[in-house]
């Protein structure tokens, strides 16, 4: 892989990871209510899910998934349903506080990690990126494993970097964000983003279609 190709990949990853999406909004809401440390646990769960998607792409299982109608449809609708649930939960939540994507009671490390994993696994941006764009950076004539490792580590670095920045920033802006009107607006925006993500995932089609 040439240095210029890697830089092009970095630019694509930077745009993808810095743009607020389901994982970022989950990280922000968790940080405001439970603190930056708990938000980072959820972020690790989300990143772990992305690593799994990345591994599937590296093993070529993404093509098998795309070729299976039943498996693809089942996973697609499960992910869309979960994102829709998070969106509705945010919209109908109390306007006096920022809604944690799910429930404030789910504050144990294991639950937060699982919650983050589910959000990351159903993130349309990640599924699209690793299912369609990621393989385009692999040079067929060169060993695949070193390239996958380089691209994977690069993505994980930027993903964790931005989620950490969002978590720390949200923690510091906690008082400002938790004012009723701002909390209401944030919850509605968060809910809207989750519902849009659910719609995008539900309307996605198999690569072979």
C-alpha atoms as a PDB file:
ATOM      1  CA  UNK A   1       0.000   0.000   0.000  1.00  0.00           C
ATOM      2  CA  UNK A   2       1.352   3.396  -0.979  1.00  0.00           C
ATOM      3  CA  UNK A   3       1.535   6.305   1.433  1.00  0.00           C
ATOM      4  CA  UNK A   4      -0.830   8.342  -0.767  1.00  0.00           C
ATOM      5  CA  UNK A   5      -3.426   5.556  -0.641  1.00  0.00           C
ATOM      6  CA  UNK A   6      -3.172   5.456   3.135  1.00  0.00           C
ATOM      7  CA  UNK A   7      -3.611   9.241   3.337  1.00  0.00           C
ATOM      8  CA  UNK A   8      -6.741   8.990   1.211  1.00  0.00           C
ATOM      9  CA  UNK A   9      -8.037   6.337   3.590  1.00  0.00           C
ATOM     10  CA  UNK A  10      -7.208   8.539   6.592  1.00  0.00           C
ATOM     11  CA  UNK A  11      -9.211  11.382   5.047  1.00  0.00           C
ATOM     12  CA  UNK A  12     -12.215   9.094   4.557  1.00  0.00           C
ATOM     13  CA  UNK A  13     -11.957   7.737   8.102  1.00  0.00           C
ATOM     14  CA  UNK A  14     -11.583  11.229   9.556  1.00  0.00           C
ATOM     15  CA  UNK A  15     -14.810  12.383   7.911  1.00  0.00           C
ATOM     16  CA  UNK A  16     -16.643   9.241   8.989  1.00  0.00           C
ATOM     17  CA  UNK A  17     -15.517   9.281  12.632  1.00  0.00           C
ATOM     18  CA  UNK A  18     -15.827  13.014  13.321  1.00  0.00           C
ATOM     19  CA  UNK A  19     -19.387  13.203  11.950  1.00  0.00           C
ATOM     20  CA  UNK A  20     -21.968  12.783  14.732  1.00  0.00           C
ATOM     21  CA  UNK A  21     -23.847   9.516  14.396  1.00  0.00           C
ATOM     22  CA  UNK A  22     -25.499   6.930  16.665  1.00  0.00           C
ATOM     23  CA  UNK A  23     -22.250   6.036  18.467  1.00  0.00           C
ATOM     24  CA  UNK A  24     -21.320   9.671  19.076  1.00  0.00           C
ATOM     25  CA  UNK A  25     -24.778  10.583  20.365  1.00  0.00           C
ATOM     26  CA  UNK A  26     -24.803   7.548  22.658  1.00  0.00           C
ATOM     27  CA  UNK A  27     -21.379   8.586  23.942  1.00  0.00           C
ATOM     28  CA  UNK A  28     -22.485  12.184  24.576  1.00  0.00           C
ATOM     29  CA  UNK A  29     -25.722  11.298  26.357  1.00  0.00           C
ATOM     30  CA  UNK A  30     -23.993   8.700  28.529  1.00  0.00           C
ATOM     31  CA  UNK A  31     -21.237  11.158  29.423  1.00  0.00           C
ATOM     32  CA  UNK A  32     -23.707  13.863  30.452  1.00  0.00           C
ATOM     33  CA  UNK A  33     -25.676  11.536  32.740  1.00  0.00           C
ATOM     34  CA  UNK A  34     -23.117   9.024  33.961  1.00  0.00           C
ATOM     35  CA  UNK A  35     -19.746  10.665  33.412  1.00  0.00           C
ATOM     36  CA  UNK A  36     -16.955  10.457  30.860  1.00  0.00           C
ATOM     37  CA  UNK A  37     -15.578   7.178  32.242  1.00  0.00           C
ATOM     38  CA  UNK A  38     -18.882   5.357  31.744  1.00  0.00           C
ATOM     39  CA  UNK A  39     -19.172   6.896  28.283  1.00  0.00           C
ATOM     40  CA  UNK A  40     -15.762   5.508  27.365  1.00  0.00           C
ATOM     41  CA  UNK A  41     -16.908   2.015  28.394  1.00  0.00           C
ATOM     42  CA  UNK A  42     -19.834   2.315  25.992  1.00  0.00           C
ATOM     43  CA  UNK A  43     -17.429   3.652  23.359  1.00  0.00           C
ATOM     44  CA  UNK A  44     -15.243   0.578  23.758  1.00  0.00           C
ATOM     45  CA  UNK A  45     -18.306  -1.572  23.159  1.00  0.00           C
ATOM     46  CA  UNK A  46     -19.112   0.346  19.980  1.00  0.00           C
ATOM     47  CA  UNK A  47     -15.515   0.090  18.767  1.00  0.00           C
ATOM     48  CA  UNK A  48     -15.444  -3.645  19.491  1.00  0.00           C
ATOM     49  CA  UNK A  49     -18.484  -4.081  17.271  1.00  0.00           C
ATOM     50  CA  UNK A  50     -16.720  -2.181  14.511  1.00  0.00           C
ATOM     51  CA  UNK A  51     -13.663  -4.412  14.899  1.00  0.00           C
ATOM     52  CA  UNK A  52     -15.930  -7.433  14.436  1.00  0.00           C
ATOM     53  CA  UNK A  53     -17.421  -5.917  11.275  1.00  0.00           C
ATOM     54  CA  UNK A  54     -13.901  -5.194  10.096  1.00  0.00           C
ATOM     55  CA  UNK A  55     -12.869  -8.795  10.735  1.00  0.00           C
ATOM     56  CA  UNK A  56     -15.864 -10.077   8.781  1.00  0.00           C
ATOM     57  CA  UNK A  57     -14.801  -7.915   5.869  1.00  0.00           C
ATOM     58  CA  UNK A  58     -11.221  -9.193   6.132  1.00  0.00           C
ATOM     59  CA  UNK A  59     -12.385 -12.831   6.176  1.00  0.00           C
ATOM     60  CA  UNK A  60     -14.634 -12.310   3.203  1.00  0.00           C
ATOM     61  CA  UNK A  61     -17.734 -13.138   5.240  1.00  0.00           C
ATOM     62  CA  UNK A  62     -19.255  -9.849   4.188  1.00  0.00           C
ATOM     63  CA  UNK A  63     -19.736 -11.290   0.710  1.00  0.00           C
ATOM     64  CA  UNK A  64     -21.372 -14.389   2.174  1.00  0.00           C
ATOM     65  CA  UNK A  65     -23.691 -12.215   4.244  1.00  0.00           C
ATOM     66  CA  UNK A  66     -24.587 -10.186   1.175  1.00  0.00           C
ATOM     67  CA  UNK A  67     -25.435 -13.397  -0.669  1.00  0.00           C
ATOM     68  CA  UNK A  68     -27.749 -14.735   2.050  1.00  0.00           C
ATOM     69  CA  UNK A  69     -31.248 -13.287   1.854  1.00  0.00           C
ATOM     70  CA  UNK A  70     -32.481 -14.676   5.166  1.00  0.00           C
ATOM     71  CA  UNK A  71     -29.421 -13.766   7.253  1.00  0.00           C
ATOM     72  CA  UNK A  72     -29.043 -10.326   5.723  1.00  0.00           C
ATOM     73  CA  UNK A  73     -32.730  -9.475   6.194  1.00  0.00           C
ATOM     74  CA  UNK A  74     -32.808 -10.754   9.785  1.00  0.00           C
ATOM     75  CA  UNK A  75     -29.730  -8.783  10.855  1.00  0.00           C
ATOM     76  CA  UNK A  76     -30.914  -5.704   8.985  1.00  0.00           C
ATOM     77  CA  UNK A  77     -34.296  -5.574  10.686  1.00  0.00           C
ATOM     78  CA  UNK A  78     -32.915  -6.419  14.118  1.00  0.00           C
ATOM     79  CA  UNK A  79     -30.462  -3.541  13.840  1.00  0.00           C
ATOM     80  CA  UNK A  80     -33.090  -1.165  12.480  1.00  0.00           C
ATOM     81  CA  UNK A  81     -35.514  -2.102  15.274  1.00  0.00           C
ATOM     82  CA  UNK A  82     -32.881  -1.436  17.942  1.00  0.00           C
ATOM     83  CA  UNK A  83     -31.970   1.967  16.479  1.00  0.00           C
ATOM     84  CA  UNK A  84     -35.659   2.852  16.226  1.00  0.00           C
ATOM     85  CA  UNK A  85     -36.139   1.878  19.872  1.00  0.00           C
ATOM     86  CA  UNK A  86     -33.287   4.172  20.898  1.00  0.00           C
ATOM     87  CA  UNK A  87     -34.728   6.980  18.799  1.00  0.00           C
ATOM     88  CA  UNK A  88     -38.224   6.714  20.262  1.00  0.00           C
ATOM     89  CA  UNK A  89     -36.776   6.418  23.786  1.00  0.00           C
ATOM     90  CA  UNK A  90     -34.862   9.666  23.291  1.00  0.00           C
ATOM     91  CA  UNK A  91     -37.824  11.560  21.857  1.00  0.00           C
ATOM     92  CA  UNK A  92     -40.299  10.552  24.591  1.00  0.00           C
ATOM     93  CA  UNK A  93     -37.782  10.889  27.443  1.00  0.00           C
ATOM     94  CA  UNK A  94     -38.049  13.478  30.199  1.00  0.00           C
ATOM     95  CA  UNK A  95     -37.287  16.960  28.899  1.00  0.00           C
ATOM     96  CA  UNK A  96     -35.490  17.850  32.134  1.00  0.00           C
ATOM     97  CA  UNK A  97     -32.471  15.681  31.403  1.00  0.00           C
ATOM     98  CA  UNK A  98     -30.460  14.286  28.528  1.00  0.00           C
ATOM     99  CA  UNK A  99     -31.672  10.811  27.655  1.00  0.00           C
ATOM    100  CA  UNK A 100     -29.139   8.018  27.856  1.00  0.00           C
ATOM    101  CA  UNK A 101     -29.604   5.814  24.808  1.00  0.00           C
ATOM    102  CA  UNK A 102     -31.647   3.201  26.601  1.00  0.00           C
ATOM    103  CA  UNK A 103     -31.999   3.814  30.334  1.00  0.00           C
ATOM    104  CA  UNK A 104     -30.083   5.557  33.054  1.00  0.00           C
ATOM    105  CA  UNK A 105     -30.388   2.445  35.155  1.00  0.00           C
ATOM    106  CA  UNK A 106     -28.172   0.576  32.683  1.00  0.00           C
ATOM    107  CA  UNK A 107     -25.066   2.025  34.295  1.00  0.00           C
ATOM    108  CA  UNK A 108     -23.031  -1.107  34.980  1.00  0.00           C
ATOM    109  CA  UNK A 109     -19.921  -1.558  32.896  1.00  0.00           C
ATOM    110  CA  UNK A 110     -21.206  -4.755  31.291  1.00  0.00           C
ATOM    111  CA  UNK A 111     -24.536  -3.208  30.305  1.00  0.00           C
ATOM    112  CA  UNK A 112     -22.932  -0.075  28.934  1.00  0.00           C
ATOM    113  CA  UNK A 113     -20.427  -2.113  26.949  1.00  0.00           C
ATOM    114  CA  UNK A 114     -23.219  -4.299  25.542  1.00  0.00           C
ATOM    115  CA  UNK A 115     -25.300  -1.254  24.723  1.00  0.00           C
ATOM    116  CA  UNK A 116     -22.359   0.326  22.936  1.00  0.00           C
ATOM    117  CA  UNK A 117     -21.705  -2.901  21.061  1.00  0.00           C
ATOM    118  CA  UNK A 118     -25.290  -3.082  19.818  1.00  0.00           C
ATOM    119  CA  UNK A 119     -25.217   0.549  18.657  1.00  0.00           C
ATOM    120  CA  UNK A 120     -21.904   0.032  16.874  1.00  0.00           C
ATOM    121  CA  UNK A 121     -23.051  -3.213  15.255  1.00  0.00           C
ATOM    122  CA  UNK A 122     -26.177  -1.547  13.852  1.00  0.00           C
ATOM    123  CA  UNK A 123     -24.500   1.685  12.762  1.00  0.00           C
ATOM    124  CA  UNK A 124     -25.321   2.146   9.047  1.00  0.00           C
ATOM    125  CA  UNK A 125     -22.198   4.232   8.444  1.00  0.00           C
ATOM    126  CA  UNK A 126     -19.896   1.497   9.693  1.00  0.00           C
ATOM    127  CA  UNK A 127     -21.757  -1.237   7.837  1.00  0.00           C
ATOM    128  CA  UNK A 128     -21.614   0.715   4.590  1.00  0.00           C
ATOM    129  CA  UNK A 129     -17.978   1.695   5.042  1.00  0.00           C
ATOM    130  CA  UNK A 130     -16.657  -1.777   5.804  1.00  0.00           C
ATOM    131  CA  UNK A 131     -19.028  -3.542   3.458  1.00  0.00           C
ATOM    132  CA  UNK A 132     -18.390  -1.417   0.373  1.00  0.00           C
ATOM    133  CA  UNK A 133     -15.636   1.183   0.759  1.00  0.00           C
ATOM    134  CA  UNK A 134     -13.098  -0.549   3.004  1.00  0.00           C
ATOM    135  CA  UNK A 135     -12.170  -3.329   0.522  1.00  0.00           C
ATOM    136  CA  UNK A 136     -11.424  -0.715  -2.158  1.00  0.00           C
ATOM    137  CA  UNK A 137      -8.267   0.308  -0.301  1.00  0.00           C
ATOM    138  CA  UNK A 138      -6.856  -3.219  -0.363  1.00  0.00           C
ATOM    139  CA  UNK A 139      -4.310  -3.831  -3.124  1.00  0.00           C
ATOM    140  CA  UNK A 140      -4.927  -7.390  -4.411  1.00  0.00           C
ATOM    141  CA  UNK A 141      -1.332  -7.926  -5.576  1.00  0.00           C
ATOM    142  CA  UNK A 142       0.093  -7.290  -2.091  1.00  0.00           C
ATOM    143  CA  UNK A 143      -0.254  -9.378   1.122  1.00  0.00           C
ATOM    144  CA  UNK A 144      -3.703  -8.725   2.560  1.00  0.00           C
ATOM    145  CA  UNK A 145      -3.097  -9.201   6.289  1.00  0.00           C
ATOM    146  CA  UNK A 146      -0.621  -6.292   6.760  1.00  0.00           C
ATOM    147  CA  UNK A 147      -2.966  -4.013   4.829  1.00  0.00           C
ATOM    148  CA  UNK A 148      -6.001  -5.000   6.905  1.00  0.00           C
ATOM    149  CA  UNK A 149      -4.037  -4.475  10.102  1.00  0.00           C
ATOM    150  CA  UNK A 150      -2.839  -1.029   9.021  1.00  0.00           C
ATOM    151  CA  UNK A 151      -6.297   0.090   7.903  1.00  0.00           C
ATOM    152  CA  UNK A 152      -7.933  -1.431  10.970  1.00  0.00           C
ATOM    153  CA  UNK A 153      -5.587   0.154  13.507  1.00  0.00           C
ATOM    154  CA  UNK A 154      -5.945   3.501  11.737  1.00  0.00           C
ATOM    155  CA  UNK A 155      -9.732   3.360  11.945  1.00  0.00           C
ATOM    156  CA  UNK A 156      -9.766   2.256  15.593  1.00  0.00           C
ATOM    157  CA  UNK A 157      -7.379   5.077  16.521  1.00  0.00           C
ATOM    158  CA  UNK A 158      -9.565   7.794  15.021  1.00  0.00           C
ATOM    159  CA  UNK A 159     -12.800   6.216  16.257  1.00  0.00           C
ATOM    160  CA  UNK A 160     -11.615   6.092  19.869  1.00  0.00           C
ATOM    161  CA  UNK A 161      -9.963   9.512  19.577  1.00  0.00           C
ATOM    162  CA  UNK A 162     -13.153  11.284  18.543  1.00  0.00           C
ATOM    163  CA  UNK A 163     -15.406   9.361  20.906  1.00  0.00           C
ATOM    164  CA  UNK A 164     -13.060  10.301  23.759  1.00  0.00           C
ATOM    165  CA  UNK A 165     -13.113  13.954  22.702  1.00  0.00           C
ATOM    166  CA  UNK A 166     -16.917  13.928  22.526  1.00  0.00           C
ATOM    167  CA  UNK A 167     -17.176  12.212  25.925  1.00  0.00           C
ATOM    168  CA  UNK A 168     -14.849  14.666  27.674  1.00  0.00           C
ATOM    169  CA  UNK A 169     -16.467  17.675  26.000  1.00  0.00           C
ATOM    170  CA  UNK A 170     -19.969  16.538  26.929  1.00  0.00           C
ATOM    171  CA  UNK A 171     -18.899  15.924  30.523  1.00  0.00           C
ATOM    172  CA  UNK A 172     -17.597  19.481  30.805  1.00  0.00           C
ATOM    173  CA  UNK A 173     -20.734  20.905  29.180  1.00  0.00           C
ATOM    174  CA  UNK A 174     -23.014  18.853  31.424  1.00  0.00           C
ATOM    175  CA  UNK A 175     -24.638  21.779  33.256  1.00  0.00           C
ATOM    176  CA  UNK A 176     -25.220  23.687  30.008  1.00  0.00           C
ATOM    177  CA  UNK A 177     -26.704  20.691  28.212  1.00  0.00           C
ATOM    178  CA  UNK A 178     -28.982  19.644  31.074  1.00  0.00           C
ATOM    179  CA  UNK A 179     -31.006  22.853  31.061  1.00  0.00           C
ATOM    180  CA  UNK A 180     -34.601  21.803  30.212  1.00  0.00           C
ATOM    181  CA  UNK A 181     -34.952  23.492  26.820  1.00  0.00           C
ATOM    182  CA  UNK A 182     -31.526  22.402  25.648  1.00  0.00           C
ATOM    183  CA  UNK A 183     -32.065  18.886  26.960  1.00  0.00           C
ATOM    184  CA  UNK A 184     -35.371  18.702  25.111  1.00  0.00           C
ATOM    185  CA  UNK A 185     -33.768  19.875  21.880  1.00  0.00           C
ATOM    186  CA  UNK A 186     -30.837  17.481  22.264  1.00  0.00           C
ATOM    187  CA  UNK A 187     -33.144  14.538  22.947  1.00  0.00           C
ATOM    188  CA  UNK A 188     -35.228  15.314  19.878  1.00  0.00           C
ATOM    189  CA  UNK A 189     -32.158  15.680  17.675  1.00  0.00           C
ATOM    190  CA  UNK A 190     -30.718  12.465  19.095  1.00  0.00           C
ATOM    191  CA  UNK A 191     -33.979  10.618  18.573  1.00  0.00           C
ATOM    192  CA  UNK A 192     -34.227  11.952  15.037  1.00  0.00           C
ATOM    193  CA  UNK A 193     -30.719  10.797  14.172  1.00  0.00           C
ATOM    194  CA  UNK A 194     -31.403   7.307  15.531  1.00  0.00           C
ATOM    195  CA  UNK A 195     -34.651   7.076  13.567  1.00  0.00           C
ATOM    196  CA  UNK A 196     -32.956   8.244  10.369  1.00  0.00           C
ATOM    197  CA  UNK A 197     -30.213   5.675  10.951  1.00  0.00           C
ATOM    198  CA  UNK A 198     -32.882   3.003  11.463  1.00  0.00           C
ATOM    199  CA  UNK A 199     -34.530   4.017   8.203  1.00  0.00           C
ATOM    200  CA  UNK A 200     -31.243   3.914   6.313  1.00  0.00           C
ATOM    201  CA  UNK A 201     -30.460   0.471   7.659  1.00  0.00           C
ATOM    202  CA  UNK A 202     -33.972  -0.828   6.949  1.00  0.00           C
ATOM    203  CA  UNK A 203     -33.835   0.438   3.349  1.00  0.00           C
ATOM    204  CA  UNK A 204     -30.370  -1.000   2.659  1.00  0.00           C
ATOM    205  CA  UNK A 205     -30.114  -3.737   0.044  1.00  0.00           C
ATOM    206  CA  UNK A 206     -27.806  -6.658  -0.513  1.00  0.00           C
ATOM    207  CA  UNK A 207     -24.674  -5.874  -2.474  1.00  0.00           C
ATOM    208  CA  UNK A 208     -25.656  -8.447  -5.055  1.00  0.00           C
ATOM    209  CA  UNK A 209     -29.052  -6.882  -5.632  1.00  0.00           C
END
